[in-house]
Amino acid sequence: MGNFFYWLFSFVRQYKRLAGVMLAALVALMVYLALQLQLEENIFDIMPQNEDVAAAGVAIEELPMNNRLVMHLYLTDTSQVAPDTLVAFAKNFSDSLQARAGMHIRSILDKFPDSQVQTLYNYYFENLP
């Protein structure tokens, strides 16, 4: 491996312009290939289509959870445990968000009851293939 890098160094040192052109061509190729990527938002569009997959796709697309923005808050110093600080910050953040962008937000759910989590898990397990 060391021989390869020494050879590459020697090549670049000896043929500076050619190495520059080759590097520019490599970067251009990578940019071109990156622009050709087509990302798909719905995972079910890239899966083989059959009745089970279609039913799971319909079940997941109809969830009201799909129209929500979920934010997770964490402390930067994980050695300190301060859940009250996170709860207070979340409350201040939701109040600030409601005050500044309330006309664009239908509702803010800053507390998520455990019963809703269990209902969501049950819904997924019943409807996924």
C-alpha atoms as a PDB file:
ATOM      1  CA  MET A   1       0.000   0.000   0.000  1.00  0.00           C
ATOM      2  CA  GLY A   2       2.873   2.313   0.808  1.00  0.00           C
ATOM      3  CA  ASN A   3       4.320   1.671  -2.661  1.00  0.00           C
ATOM      4  CA  PHE A   4       1.060   2.782  -4.262  1.00  0.00           C
ATOM      5  CA  PHE A   5       1.036   6.100  -2.397  1.00  0.00           C
ATOM      6  CA  TYR A   6       4.697   6.672  -3.178  1.00  0.00           C
ATOM      7  CA  TRP A   7       3.993   5.993  -6.854  1.00  0.00           C
ATOM      8  CA  LEU A   8       0.999   8.373  -6.726  1.00  0.00           C
ATOM      9  CA  PHE A   9       3.123  11.062  -5.079  1.00  0.00           C
ATOM     10  CA  SER A  10       5.847  10.627  -7.702  1.00  0.00           C
ATOM     11  CA  PHE A  11       3.310  10.717 -10.533  1.00  0.00           C
ATOM     12  CA  VAL A  12       1.670  13.914  -9.250  1.00  0.00           C
ATOM     13  CA  ARG A  13       5.055  15.519  -8.683  1.00  0.00           C
ATOM     14  CA  GLN A  14       6.268  14.650 -12.172  1.00  0.00           C
ATOM     15  CA  TYR A  15       3.039  15.352 -14.102  1.00  0.00           C
ATOM     16  CA  LYS A  16       1.417  18.205 -12.174  1.00  0.00           C
ATOM     17  CA  ARG A  17      -0.862  19.445 -14.938  1.00  0.00           C
ATOM     18  CA  LEU A  18      -2.005  15.991 -15.975  1.00  0.00           C
ATOM     19  CA  ALA A  19      -2.684  15.102 -12.329  1.00  0.00           C
ATOM     20  CA  GLY A  20      -4.669  18.327 -11.927  1.00  0.00           C
ATOM     21  CA  VAL A  21      -6.740  17.557 -15.019  1.00  0.00           C
ATOM     22  CA  MET A  22      -7.336  14.002 -13.815  1.00  0.00           C
ATOM     23  CA  LEU A  23      -8.392  15.262 -10.382  1.00  0.00           C
ATOM     24  CA  ALA A  24     -10.763  17.801 -11.938  1.00  0.00           C
ATOM     25  CA  ALA A  25     -12.225  15.074 -14.172  1.00  0.00           C
ATOM     26  CA  LEU A  26     -12.684  12.798 -11.160  1.00  0.00           C
ATOM     27  CA  VAL A  27     -14.451  15.538  -9.203  1.00  0.00           C
ATOM     28  CA  ALA A  28     -16.642  16.348 -12.225  1.00  0.00           C
ATOM     29  CA  LEU A  29     -17.533  12.665 -12.592  1.00  0.00           C
ATOM     30  CA  MET A  30     -18.465  12.419  -8.917  1.00  0.00           C
ATOM     31  CA  VAL A  31     -20.616  15.570  -9.141  1.00  0.00           C
ATOM     32  CA  TYR A  32     -22.330  14.219 -12.255  1.00  0.00           C
ATOM     33  CA  LEU A  33     -23.031  10.862 -10.597  1.00  0.00           C
ATOM     34  CA  ALA A  34     -24.295  12.588  -7.442  1.00  0.00           C
ATOM     35  CA  LEU A  35     -26.725  14.638  -9.539  1.00  0.00           C
ATOM     36  CA  GLN A  36     -28.021  11.458 -11.177  1.00  0.00           C
ATOM     37  CA  LEU A  37     -29.182  10.018  -7.841  1.00  0.00           C
ATOM     38  CA  GLN A  38     -32.921   9.820  -7.524  1.00  0.00           C
ATOM     39  CA  LEU A  39     -34.061   9.631  -3.941  1.00  0.00           C
ATOM     40  CA  GLU A  40     -37.448   8.142  -3.164  1.00  0.00           C
ATOM     41  CA  GLU A  41     -39.383   9.426  -0.187  1.00  0.00           C
ATOM     42  CA  ASN A  42     -41.709   6.455   0.069  1.00  0.00           C
ATOM     43  CA  ILE A  43     -39.884   3.205   0.859  1.00  0.00           C
ATOM     44  CA  PHE A  44     -42.790   1.178  -0.505  1.00  0.00           C
ATOM     45  CA  ASP A  45     -42.221   2.537  -4.034  1.00  0.00           C
ATOM     46  CA  ILE A  46     -38.915   0.673  -4.303  1.00  0.00           C
ATOM     47  CA  MET A  47     -40.186  -2.614  -2.864  1.00  0.00           C
ATOM     48  CA  PRO A  48     -41.728  -5.340  -5.022  1.00  0.00           C
ATOM     49  CA  GLN A  49     -45.436  -4.663  -5.392  1.00  0.00           C
ATOM     50  CA  ASN A  50     -47.824  -7.246  -3.980  1.00  0.00           C
ATOM     51  CA  GLU A  51     -50.958  -7.143  -1.836  1.00  0.00           C
ATOM     52  CA  ASP A  52     -49.150  -7.330   1.518  1.00  0.00           C
ATOM     53  CA  VAL A  53     -46.785  -4.483   0.684  1.00  0.00           C
ATOM     54  CA  ALA A  54     -49.628  -2.380  -0.720  1.00  0.00           C
ATOM     55  CA  ALA A  55     -51.725  -2.916   2.411  1.00  0.00           C
ATOM     56  CA  ALA A  56     -48.809  -1.973   4.657  1.00  0.00           C
ATOM     57  CA  GLY A  57     -48.143   1.124   2.558  1.00  0.00           C
ATOM     58  CA  VAL A  58     -51.749   2.268   2.807  1.00  0.00           C
ATOM     59  CA  ALA A  59     -51.786   1.647   6.561  1.00  0.00           C
ATOM     60  CA  ILE A  60     -48.638   3.684   7.129  1.00  0.00           C
ATOM     61  CA  GLU A  61     -49.571   6.519   4.756  1.00  0.00           C
ATOM     62  CA  GLU A  62     -52.884   7.047   6.532  1.00  0.00           C
ATOM     63  CA  LEU A  63     -51.290   7.494   9.937  1.00  0.00           C
ATOM     64  CA  PRO A  64     -51.744  11.000  11.300  1.00  0.00           C
ATOM     65  CA  MET A  65     -48.181  10.673  12.575  1.00  0.00           C
ATOM     66  CA  ASN A  66     -46.939  11.191   9.001  1.00  0.00           C
ATOM     67  CA  ASN A  67     -48.022  14.828   9.091  1.00  0.00           C
ATOM     68  CA  ARG A  68     -46.048  15.611  12.205  1.00  0.00           C
ATOM     69  CA  LEU A  69     -42.610  16.956  12.840  1.00  0.00           C
ATOM     70  CA  VAL A  70     -40.953  15.151  15.720  1.00  0.00           C
ATOM     71  CA  MET A  71     -38.093  16.774  17.597  1.00  0.00           C
ATOM     72  CA  HIS A  72     -35.854  15.013  20.086  1.00  0.00           C
ATOM     73  CA  LEU A  73     -34.070  17.077  22.710  1.00  0.00           C
ATOM     74  CA  TYR A  74     -30.845  15.921  24.327  1.00  0.00           C
ATOM     75  CA  LEU A  75     -28.315  17.398  26.714  1.00  0.00           C
ATOM     76  CA  THR A  76     -24.888  17.979  25.202  1.00  0.00           C
ATOM     77  CA  ASP A  77     -23.265  16.795  28.428  1.00  0.00           C
ATOM     78  CA  THR A  78     -24.601  13.259  28.830  1.00  0.00           C
ATOM     79  CA  SER A  79     -22.817  12.744  32.130  1.00  0.00           C
ATOM     80  CA  GLN A  80     -25.356  14.987  33.835  1.00  0.00           C
ATOM     81  CA  VAL A  81     -28.894  13.719  34.233  1.00  0.00           C
ATOM     82  CA  ALA A  82     -31.331  16.621  34.336  1.00  0.00           C
ATOM     83  CA  PRO A  83     -34.767  15.645  32.992  1.00  0.00           C
ATOM     84  CA  ASP A  84     -36.357  18.735  34.559  1.00  0.00           C
ATOM     85  CA  THR A  85     -34.060  20.937  32.491  1.00  0.00           C
ATOM     86  CA  LEU A  86     -35.095  19.173  29.288  1.00  0.00           C
ATOM     87  CA  VAL A  87     -38.788  19.396  30.199  1.00  0.00           C
ATOM     88  CA  ALA A  88     -38.478  23.117  30.944  1.00  0.00           C
ATOM     89  CA  PHE A  89     -36.593  23.720  27.696  1.00  0.00           C
ATOM     90  CA  ALA A  90     -39.180  21.764  25.701  1.00  0.00           C
ATOM     91  CA  LYS A  91     -41.992  23.795  27.248  1.00  0.00           C
ATOM     92  CA  ASN A  92     -40.204  27.092  26.509  1.00  0.00           C
ATOM     93  CA  PHE A  93     -39.438  25.929  22.989  1.00  0.00           C
ATOM     94  CA  SER A  94     -43.035  24.948  22.273  1.00  0.00           C
ATOM     95  CA  ASP A  95     -44.329  28.252  23.708  1.00  0.00           C
ATOM     96  CA  SER A  96     -41.832  30.198  21.603  1.00  0.00           C
ATOM     97  CA  LEU A  97     -42.710  28.200  18.491  1.00  0.00           C
ATOM     98  CA  GLN A  98     -46.415  28.756  19.043  1.00  0.00           C
ATOM     99  CA  ALA A  99     -45.850  32.497  19.543  1.00  0.00           C
ATOM    100  CA  ARG A 100     -43.669  32.950  16.456  1.00  0.00           C
ATOM    101  CA  ALA A 101     -45.240  30.541  13.961  1.00  0.00           C
ATOM    102  CA  GLY A 102     -48.640  29.794  15.474  1.00  0.00           C
ATOM    103  CA  MET A 103     -50.492  30.653  12.273  1.00  0.00           C
ATOM    104  CA  HIS A 104     -48.671  27.814  10.463  1.00  0.00           C
ATOM    105  CA  ILE A 105     -48.988  25.222  13.227  1.00  0.00           C
ATOM    106  CA  ARG A 106     -52.212  23.368  13.876  1.00  0.00           C
ATOM    107  CA  SER A 107     -51.172  22.024  17.262  1.00  0.00           C
ATOM    108  CA  ILE A 108     -48.128  21.271  19.379  1.00  0.00           C
ATOM    109  CA  LEU A 109     -47.999  18.099  21.396  1.00  0.00           C
ATOM    110  CA  ASP A 110     -45.202  18.579  23.889  1.00  0.00           C
ATOM    111  CA  LYS A 111     -46.119  15.578  26.023  1.00  0.00           C
ATOM    112  CA  PHE A 112     -46.692  12.140  24.557  1.00  0.00           C
ATOM    113  CA  PRO A 113     -48.733   9.845  26.836  1.00  0.00           C
ATOM    114  CA  ASP A 114     -47.582   6.248  27.209  1.00  0.00           C
ATOM    115  CA  SER A 115     -51.008   4.980  26.132  1.00  0.00           C
ATOM    116  CA  GLN A 116     -50.548   6.621  22.719  1.00  0.00           C
ATOM    117  CA  VAL A 117     -47.130   5.024  22.309  1.00  0.00           C
ATOM    118  CA  GLN A 118     -48.602   1.599  23.009  1.00  0.00           C
ATOM    119  CA  THR A 119     -51.475   2.255  20.576  1.00  0.00           C
ATOM    120  CA  LEU A 120     -48.971   3.256  17.885  1.00  0.00           C
ATOM    121  CA  TYR A 121     -46.886   0.113  18.432  1.00  0.00           C
ATOM    122  CA  ASN A 122     -50.000  -2.062  18.275  1.00  0.00           C
ATOM    123  CA  TYR A 123     -51.123  -0.385  15.045  1.00  0.00           C
ATOM    124  CA  TYR A 124     -47.753  -0.992  13.406  1.00  0.00           C
ATOM    125  CA  PHE A 125     -47.553  -4.628  14.531  1.00  0.00           C
ATOM    126  CA  GLU A 126     -51.112  -5.379  13.342  1.00  0.00           C
ATOM    127  CA  ASN A 127     -50.693  -3.792   9.895  1.00  0.00           C
ATOM    128  CA  LEU A 128     -47.123  -4.497   8.851  1.00  0.00           C
ATOM    129  CA  PRO A 129     -46.488  -7.737   6.944  1.00  0.00           C
END
